[in-house]
Amino acid sequence: LTIENATSLTLLASGTYANNGTLSFASAGNLTDLIATGGDVTISGGGTLALGNNSNNRIYGSGGADRLVNAGGTIRGSGQIGVGLLGLVNQGTIKADQAAALTINPSAAGVTNTSHLRAEAGATLRLSNGTFTNTTGVIAALGTGSVVEFNAATITNGTLTSDAGAALRHTGSSTFNDITLSFPEFTIFFLPLLGEQCETCFNRYTQVYGEIWLWNTKNAKLHFF
């Protein structure tokens, strides 16, 4: 099944959706949308939502109270999840793996991740403007050139990790609560853009291995509690 360029597919909370195949997003530059509406929309099964290499592939809700529950499947590719209009429960894998970034920007309902959020294959995953409850979850940058960016995000619980040659990058004021930092042979980089304010708070963290660096530090602040 394919959501063609410049079209949309709406899933109702009253429906039942078992995906054991692939639902593809085929934006060629126009907005191409999957819309969840009516409350919690659950997609079960081990299938894939495949967002092609275009930032105009989108998954969002009709209102801030809507949530998408990814119950064991994979969401991968490029584009936008949330758009400030959708909460997200991830019990499977969400990964950026294309040249264009994948951005998760939730509504006030936030993100609950009990599995994997990651960037791989040199791609960028952006976690922006929301709360990310990462209980038992892992946020990871895997493979050379892969990056997970945090911008105005609050990350609570779980593990943040990366491979050598990958990075976790901080681009705007964020807070990290009760997390485990695990970086075998690697460094976590916080990189505010030159001339921009960048403030990071670590509340009750465990560092397994690795280093924390500030880079381009003219306006950067790093707090440990």
C-alpha atoms as a PDB file:
ATOM      1  CA  LEU A   1       0.000   0.000   0.000  1.00  0.00           C
ATOM      2  CA  THR A   2       1.334   3.441  -0.957  1.00  0.00           C
ATOM      3  CA  ILE A   3       0.302   6.950   0.050  1.00  0.00           C
ATOM      4  CA  GLU A   4       0.975   8.723  -3.222  1.00  0.00           C
ATOM      5  CA  ASN A   5       2.531  12.172  -3.536  1.00  0.00           C
ATOM      6  CA  ALA A   6       0.205  14.993  -2.377  1.00  0.00           C
ATOM      7  CA  THR A   7      -2.403  12.622  -0.902  1.00  0.00           C
ATOM      8  CA  SER A   8      -3.334  11.565   2.634  1.00  0.00           C
ATOM      9  CA  LEU A   9      -4.601   8.514   4.489  1.00  0.00           C
ATOM     10  CA  THR A  10      -6.648   8.907   7.694  1.00  0.00           C
ATOM     11  CA  LEU A  11      -6.763   6.232  10.401  1.00  0.00           C
ATOM     12  CA  LEU A  12      -9.566   6.376  12.972  1.00  0.00           C
ATOM     13  CA  ALA A  13      -9.103   5.363  16.600  1.00  0.00           C
ATOM     14  CA  SER A  14     -12.193   3.199  16.247  1.00  0.00           C
ATOM     15  CA  GLY A  15     -10.451   1.046  13.639  1.00  0.00           C
ATOM     16  CA  THR A  16      -8.119  -1.957  13.926  1.00  0.00           C
ATOM     17  CA  TYR A  17      -4.891  -1.858  11.929  1.00  0.00           C
ATOM     18  CA  ALA A  18      -2.584  -4.857  11.596  1.00  0.00           C
ATOM     19  CA  ASN A  19       0.393  -4.162   9.356  1.00  0.00           C
ATOM     20  CA  ASN A  20       2.467  -7.177   8.399  1.00  0.00           C
ATOM     21  CA  GLY A  21       3.694  -5.677   5.133  1.00  0.00           C
ATOM     22  CA  THR A  22       4.800  -2.189   4.065  1.00  0.00           C
ATOM     23  CA  LEU A  23       2.918   1.096   3.946  1.00  0.00           C
ATOM     24  CA  SER A  24       4.990   3.477   1.822  1.00  0.00           C
ATOM     25  CA  PHE A  25       4.982   7.279   1.705  1.00  0.00           C
ATOM     26  CA  ALA A  26       5.857   8.570  -1.758  1.00  0.00           C
ATOM     27  CA  SER A  27       6.234  12.336  -1.425  1.00  0.00           C
ATOM     28  CA  ALA A  28       7.957  13.903  -4.417  1.00  0.00           C
ATOM     29  CA  GLY A  29       7.976  17.316  -2.734  1.00  0.00           C
ATOM     30  CA  ASN A  30       4.313  17.767  -1.846  1.00  0.00           C
ATOM     31  CA  LEU A  31       2.829  17.076   1.578  1.00  0.00           C
ATOM     32  CA  THR A  32       2.036  13.366   1.846  1.00  0.00           C
ATOM     33  CA  ASP A  33       0.292  12.505   5.081  1.00  0.00           C
ATOM     34  CA  LEU A  34      -0.843   9.759   7.424  1.00  0.00           C
ATOM     35  CA  ILE A  35      -3.357  11.299   9.842  1.00  0.00           C
ATOM     36  CA  ALA A  36      -4.399   9.681  13.129  1.00  0.00           C
ATOM     37  CA  THR A  37      -7.660  10.934  14.601  1.00  0.00           C
ATOM     38  CA  GLY A  38     -10.134  10.220  17.393  1.00  0.00           C
ATOM     39  CA  GLY A  39      -7.732   9.296  20.207  1.00  0.00           C
ATOM     40  CA  ASP A  40      -5.231   6.416  20.282  1.00  0.00           C
ATOM     41  CA  VAL A  41      -4.621   4.811  16.892  1.00  0.00           C
ATOM     42  CA  THR A  42      -2.746   1.510  17.223  1.00  0.00           C
ATOM     43  CA  ILE A  43      -0.854  -0.145  14.385  1.00  0.00           C
ATOM     44  CA  SER A  44       0.052  -3.714  15.336  1.00  0.00           C
ATOM     45  CA  GLY A  45       2.102  -6.321  13.528  1.00  0.00           C
ATOM     46  CA  GLY A  46       5.710  -6.478  12.463  1.00  0.00           C
ATOM     47  CA  GLY A  47       5.357  -4.457   9.289  1.00  0.00           C
ATOM     48  CA  THR A  48       6.938  -1.198   8.173  1.00  0.00           C
ATOM     49  CA  LEU A  49       5.856   2.382   7.598  1.00  0.00           C
ATOM     50  CA  ALA A  50       8.405   3.420   4.988  1.00  0.00           C
ATOM     51  CA  LEU A  51       8.792   7.184   4.601  1.00  0.00           C
ATOM     52  CA  GLY A  52      10.699   7.942   1.417  1.00  0.00           C
ATOM     53  CA  ASN A  53      13.628  10.342   1.219  1.00  0.00           C
ATOM     54  CA  ASN A  54      11.615  13.567   1.446  1.00  0.00           C
ATOM     55  CA  SER A  55      10.938  15.905   4.369  1.00  0.00           C
ATOM     56  CA  ASN A  56       7.297  16.328   3.265  1.00  0.00           C
ATOM     57  CA  ASN A  57       6.310  12.824   4.337  1.00  0.00           C
ATOM     58  CA  ARG A  58       4.311  13.405   7.525  1.00  0.00           C
ATOM     59  CA  ILE A  59       2.539  11.500  10.300  1.00  0.00           C
ATOM     60  CA  TYR A  60       0.372  13.668  12.539  1.00  0.00           C
ATOM     61  CA  GLY A  61      -2.959  13.951  14.344  1.00  0.00           C
ATOM     62  CA  SER A  62      -6.091  15.973  13.833  1.00  0.00           C
ATOM     63  CA  GLY A  63      -5.742  17.338  17.382  1.00  0.00           C
ATOM     64  CA  GLY A  64      -3.214  17.392  20.203  1.00  0.00           C
ATOM     65  CA  ALA A  65      -4.965  14.587  22.134  1.00  0.00           C
ATOM     66  CA  ASP A  66      -4.449  12.048  19.329  1.00  0.00           C
ATOM     67  CA  ARG A  67      -1.686   9.462  19.689  1.00  0.00           C
ATOM     68  CA  LEU A  68      -0.132   6.897  17.376  1.00  0.00           C
ATOM     69  CA  VAL A  69       0.828   3.606  19.026  1.00  0.00           C
ATOM     70  CA  ASN A  70       3.523   1.748  17.107  1.00  0.00           C
ATOM     71  CA  ALA A  71       2.942  -1.717  18.591  1.00  0.00           C
ATOM     72  CA  GLY A  72       5.974  -3.650  17.431  1.00  0.00           C
ATOM     73  CA  GLY A  73       6.497  -2.434  13.883  1.00  0.00           C
ATOM     74  CA  THR A  74       9.130  -0.260  12.210  1.00  0.00           C
ATOM     75  CA  ILE A  75       8.778   3.354  11.125  1.00  0.00           C
ATOM     76  CA  ARG A  76      11.723   4.378   8.978  1.00  0.00           C
ATOM     77  CA  GLY A  77      12.922   6.967   6.503  1.00  0.00           C
ATOM     78  CA  SER A  78      12.634  10.749   6.269  1.00  0.00           C
ATOM     79  CA  GLY A  79      10.050  13.366   7.099  1.00  0.00           C
ATOM     80  CA  GLN A  80       8.072  14.445  10.148  1.00  0.00           C
ATOM     81  CA  ILE A  81       6.304  12.597  12.946  1.00  0.00           C
ATOM     82  CA  GLY A  82       4.023  14.631  15.162  1.00  0.00           C
ATOM     83  CA  VAL A  83       4.167  18.127  13.620  1.00  0.00           C
ATOM     84  CA  GLY A  84       3.147  19.341  17.098  1.00  0.00           C
ATOM     85  CA  LEU A  85      -0.236  17.642  16.671  1.00  0.00           C
ATOM     86  CA  LEU A  86       0.329  14.012  17.670  1.00  0.00           C
ATOM     87  CA  GLY A  87       1.518  12.057  20.684  1.00  0.00           C
ATOM     88  CA  LEU A  88       3.519   8.902  20.071  1.00  0.00           C
ATOM     89  CA  VAL A  89       3.924   5.564  21.850  1.00  0.00           C
ATOM     90  CA  ASN A  90       6.756   3.531  20.381  1.00  0.00           C
ATOM     91  CA  GLN A  91       6.973  -0.169  21.205  1.00  0.00           C
ATOM     92  CA  GLY A  92       8.922  -1.045  18.064  1.00  0.00           C
ATOM     93  CA  THR A  93      11.649   0.721  16.094  1.00  0.00           C
ATOM     94  CA  ILE A  94      11.677   4.233  14.695  1.00  0.00           C
ATOM     95  CA  LYS A  95      14.768   5.036  12.671  1.00  0.00           C
ATOM     96  CA  ALA A  96      16.155   7.664  10.352  1.00  0.00           C
ATOM     97  CA  ASP A  97      18.013   5.997   7.506  1.00  0.00           C
ATOM     98  CA  GLN A  98      17.768   8.355   4.520  1.00  0.00           C
ATOM     99  CA  ALA A  99      19.671  11.483   3.431  1.00  0.00           C
ATOM    100  CA  ALA A 100      16.850  13.818   4.514  1.00  0.00           C
ATOM    101  CA  ALA A 101      16.334  13.970   8.273  1.00  0.00           C
ATOM    102  CA  LEU A 102      13.519  12.373  10.243  1.00  0.00           C
ATOM    103  CA  THR A 103      12.045  14.744  12.849  1.00  0.00           C
ATOM    104  CA  ILE A 104       9.885  13.746  15.819  1.00  0.00           C
ATOM    105  CA  ASN A 105       8.069  16.832  17.121  1.00  0.00           C
ATOM    106  CA  PRO A 106       5.212  15.659  19.382  1.00  0.00           C
ATOM    107  CA  SER A 107       2.167  17.423  20.748  1.00  0.00           C
ATOM    108  CA  ALA A 108       1.781  18.072  24.480  1.00  0.00           C
ATOM    109  CA  ALA A 109       0.942  14.340  24.739  1.00  0.00           C
ATOM    110  CA  GLY A 110       4.671  13.705  24.229  1.00  0.00           C
ATOM    111  CA  VAL A 111       6.520  10.553  23.256  1.00  0.00           C
ATOM    112  CA  THR A 112       6.712   7.334  25.264  1.00  0.00           C
ATOM    113  CA  ASN A 113       9.485   5.077  24.004  1.00  0.00           C
ATOM    114  CA  THR A 114       9.958   1.600  25.444  1.00  0.00           C
ATOM    115  CA  SER A 115      12.038   0.321  22.539  1.00  0.00           C
ATOM    116  CA  HIS A 116      14.312   1.976  19.956  1.00  0.00           C
ATOM    117  CA  LEU A 117      14.656   5.456  18.486  1.00  0.00           C
ATOM    118  CA  ARG A 118      17.738   5.670  16.327  1.00  0.00           C
ATOM    119  CA  ALA A 119      19.679   7.148  13.447  1.00  0.00           C
ATOM    120  CA  GLU A 120      21.641   4.830  11.200  1.00  0.00           C
ATOM    121  CA  ALA A 121      23.326   4.676   7.786  1.00  0.00           C
ATOM    122  CA  GLY A 122      24.655   8.230   8.124  1.00  0.00           C
ATOM    123  CA  ALA A 123      21.176   9.704   8.668  1.00  0.00           C
ATOM    124  CA  THR A 124      19.904  12.316  11.145  1.00  0.00           C
ATOM    125  CA  LEU A 125      17.102  11.833  13.694  1.00  0.00           C
ATOM    126  CA  ARG A 126      15.831  15.050  15.297  1.00  0.00           C
ATOM    127  CA  LEU A 127      13.981  14.996  18.626  1.00  0.00           C
ATOM    128  CA  SER A 128      12.412  18.424  19.037  1.00  0.00           C
ATOM    129  CA  ASN A 129      10.124  20.554  21.176  1.00  0.00           C
ATOM    130  CA  GLY A 130       8.574  17.962  23.432  1.00  0.00           C
ATOM    131  CA  THR A 131       8.818  15.462  26.247  1.00  0.00           C
ATOM    132  CA  PHE A 132      10.318  12.053  25.549  1.00  0.00           C
ATOM    133  CA  THR A 133       9.706   9.466  28.292  1.00  0.00           C
ATOM    134  CA  ASN A 134      12.307   6.865  27.455  1.00  0.00           C
ATOM    135  CA  THR A 135      11.600   4.262  30.153  1.00  0.00           C
ATOM    136  CA  THR A 136      13.427   1.033  29.230  1.00  0.00           C
ATOM    137  CA  GLY A 137      14.059   2.654  25.823  1.00  0.00           C
ATOM    138  CA  VAL A 138      17.243   3.298  23.875  1.00  0.00           C
ATOM    139  CA  ILE A 139      18.058   6.385  21.812  1.00  0.00           C
ATOM    140  CA  ALA A 140      21.032   5.622  19.586  1.00  0.00           C
ATOM    141  CA  ALA A 141      23.187   6.888  16.736  1.00  0.00           C
ATOM    142  CA  LEU A 142      24.516   3.838  14.888  1.00  0.00           C
ATOM    143  CA  GLY A 143      27.097   3.853  12.122  1.00  0.00           C
ATOM    144  CA  THR A 144      29.551   6.426  10.843  1.00  0.00           C
ATOM    145  CA  GLY A 145      27.999   9.820  10.192  1.00  0.00           C
ATOM    146  CA  SER A 146      24.714   9.060  11.949  1.00  0.00           C
ATOM    147  CA  VAL A 147      23.424  11.800  14.255  1.00  0.00           C
ATOM    148  CA  VAL A 148      20.648  12.139  16.834  1.00  0.00           C
ATOM    149  CA  GLU A 149      19.891  15.818  17.473  1.00  0.00           C
ATOM    150  CA  PHE A 150      18.119  17.190  20.553  1.00  0.00           C
ATOM    151  CA  ASN A 151      16.428  20.581  20.321  1.00  0.00           C
ATOM    152  CA  ALA A 152      14.259  21.910  23.177  1.00  0.00           C
ATOM    153  CA  ALA A 153      13.601  18.316  24.243  1.00  0.00           C
ATOM    154  CA  THR A 154      13.152  16.797  27.686  1.00  0.00           C
ATOM    155  CA  ILE A 155      14.467  13.231  27.835  1.00  0.00           C
ATOM    156  CA  THR A 156      13.585  11.137  30.891  1.00  0.00           C
ATOM    157  CA  ASN A 157      14.959   7.669  31.711  1.00  0.00           C
ATOM    158  CA  GLY A 158      16.488   5.087  29.421  1.00  0.00           C
ATOM    159  CA  THR A 159      19.823   4.937  27.639  1.00  0.00           C
ATOM    160  CA  LEU A 160      21.519   7.275  25.193  1.00  0.00           C
ATOM    161  CA  THR A 161      24.274   5.657  23.167  1.00  0.00           C
ATOM    162  CA  SER A 162      26.226   5.906  19.929  1.00  0.00           C
ATOM    163  CA  ASP A 163      28.810   4.128  17.841  1.00  0.00           C
ATOM    164  CA  ALA A 164      32.275   5.422  17.095  1.00  0.00           C
ATOM    165  CA  GLY A 165      31.969   7.880  14.222  1.00  0.00           C
ATOM    166  CA  ALA A 166      28.366   8.741  15.094  1.00  0.00           C
ATOM    167  CA  ALA A 167      27.136  11.522  17.394  1.00  0.00           C
ATOM    168  CA  LEU A 168      24.439  12.720  19.763  1.00  0.00           C
ATOM    169  CA  ARG A 169      24.202  16.448  19.083  1.00  0.00           C
ATOM    170  CA  HIS A 170      22.525  19.120  21.134  1.00  0.00           C
ATOM    171  CA  THR A 171      21.290  22.107  19.117  1.00  0.00           C
ATOM    172  CA  GLY A 172      18.969  23.848  21.586  1.00  0.00           C
ATOM    173  CA  SER A 173      18.150  24.006  25.294  1.00  0.00           C
ATOM    174  CA  SER A 174      17.255  20.522  26.544  1.00  0.00           C
ATOM    175  CA  THR A 175      16.984  18.621  29.809  1.00  0.00           C
ATOM    176  CA  PHE A 176      18.041  15.022  30.485  1.00  0.00           C
ATOM    177  CA  ASN A 177      16.574  13.320  33.577  1.00  0.00           C
ATOM    178  CA  ASP A 178      17.628   9.983  35.101  1.00  0.00           C
ATOM    179  CA  ILE A 179      19.386   8.762  31.975  1.00  0.00           C
ATOM    180  CA  THR A 180      22.269   6.413  31.285  1.00  0.00           C
ATOM    181  CA  LEU A 181      24.977   7.649  28.923  1.00  0.00           C
ATOM    182  CA  SER A 182      26.843   4.798  27.273  1.00  0.00           C
ATOM    183  CA  PHE A 183      29.439   5.591  24.600  1.00  0.00           C
ATOM    184  CA  PRO A 184      31.963   2.833  23.928  1.00  0.00           C
ATOM    185  CA  GLU A 185      35.021   4.540  22.481  1.00  0.00           C
ATOM    186  CA  PHE A 186      33.021   7.623  21.714  1.00  0.00           C
ATOM    187  CA  THR A 187      32.165  11.127  22.797  1.00  0.00           C
ATOM    188  CA  ILE A 188      28.829  12.845  23.185  1.00  0.00           C
ATOM    189  CA  PHE A 189      29.009  16.247  21.516  1.00  0.00           C
ATOM    190  CA  PHE A 190      26.786  19.178  22.354  1.00  0.00           C
ATOM    191  CA  LEU A 191      27.031  21.634  19.469  1.00  0.00           C
ATOM    192  CA  PRO A 192      25.192  24.929  19.778  1.00  0.00           C
ATOM    193  CA  LEU A 193      25.229  26.924  16.591  1.00  0.00           C
ATOM    194  CA  LEU A 194      27.585  29.874  16.756  1.00  0.00           C
ATOM    195  CA  GLY A 195      25.868  32.911  18.244  1.00  0.00           C
ATOM    196  CA  GLU A 196      22.906  30.947  19.633  1.00  0.00           C
ATOM    197  CA  GLN A 197      22.009  30.254  23.245  1.00  0.00           C
ATOM    198  CA  CYS A 198      22.310  26.621  24.236  1.00  0.00           C
ATOM    199  CA  GLU A 199      21.629  25.298  27.723  1.00  0.00           C
ATOM    200  CA  THR A 200      21.688  21.688  28.841  1.00  0.00           C
ATOM    201  CA  CYS A 201      20.657  20.224  32.188  1.00  0.00           C
ATOM    202  CA  PHE A 202      21.576  16.731  33.378  1.00  0.00           C
ATOM    203  CA  ASN A 203      19.496  15.586  36.360  1.00  0.00           C
ATOM    204  CA  ARG A 204      20.646  12.325  37.990  1.00  0.00           C
ATOM    205  CA  TYR A 205      22.547  10.637  35.182  1.00  0.00           C
ATOM    206  CA  THR A 206      24.801   7.591  34.997  1.00  0.00           C
ATOM    207  CA  GLN A 207      27.774   7.718  32.667  1.00  0.00           C
ATOM    208  CA  VAL A 208      28.991   4.276  31.654  1.00  0.00           C
ATOM    209  CA  TYR A 209      31.762   5.340  29.298  1.00  0.00           C
ATOM    210  CA  GLY A 210      32.709   8.225  27.085  1.00  0.00           C
ATOM    211  CA  GLU A 211      33.074  11.979  27.382  1.00  0.00           C
ATOM    212  CA  ILE A 212      30.811  15.017  27.225  1.00  0.00           C
ATOM    213  CA  TRP A 213      32.128  17.906  25.157  1.00  0.00           C
ATOM    214  CA  LEU A 214      31.000  21.447  24.536  1.00  0.00           C
ATOM    215  CA  TRP A 215      31.856  22.690  21.064  1.00  0.00           C
ATOM    216  CA  ASN A 216      31.377  26.213  19.672  1.00  0.00           C
ATOM    217  CA  THR A 217      30.831  27.196  23.284  1.00  0.00           C
ATOM    218  CA  LYS A 218      30.381  30.969  23.096  1.00  0.00           C
ATOM    219  CA  ASN A 219      26.833  30.826  24.496  1.00  0.00           C
ATOM    220  CA  ALA A 220      26.658  27.276  25.820  1.00  0.00           C
ATOM    221  CA  LYS A 221      25.784  26.263  29.377  1.00  0.00           C
ATOM    222  CA  LEU A 222      25.992  22.777  30.830  1.00  0.00           C
ATOM    223  CA  HIS A 223      24.469  21.939  34.222  1.00  0.00           C
ATOM    224  CA  PHE A 224      24.759  18.754  36.286  1.00  0.00           C
ATOM    225  CA  PHE A 225      22.421  18.013  39.218  1.00  0.00           C
END
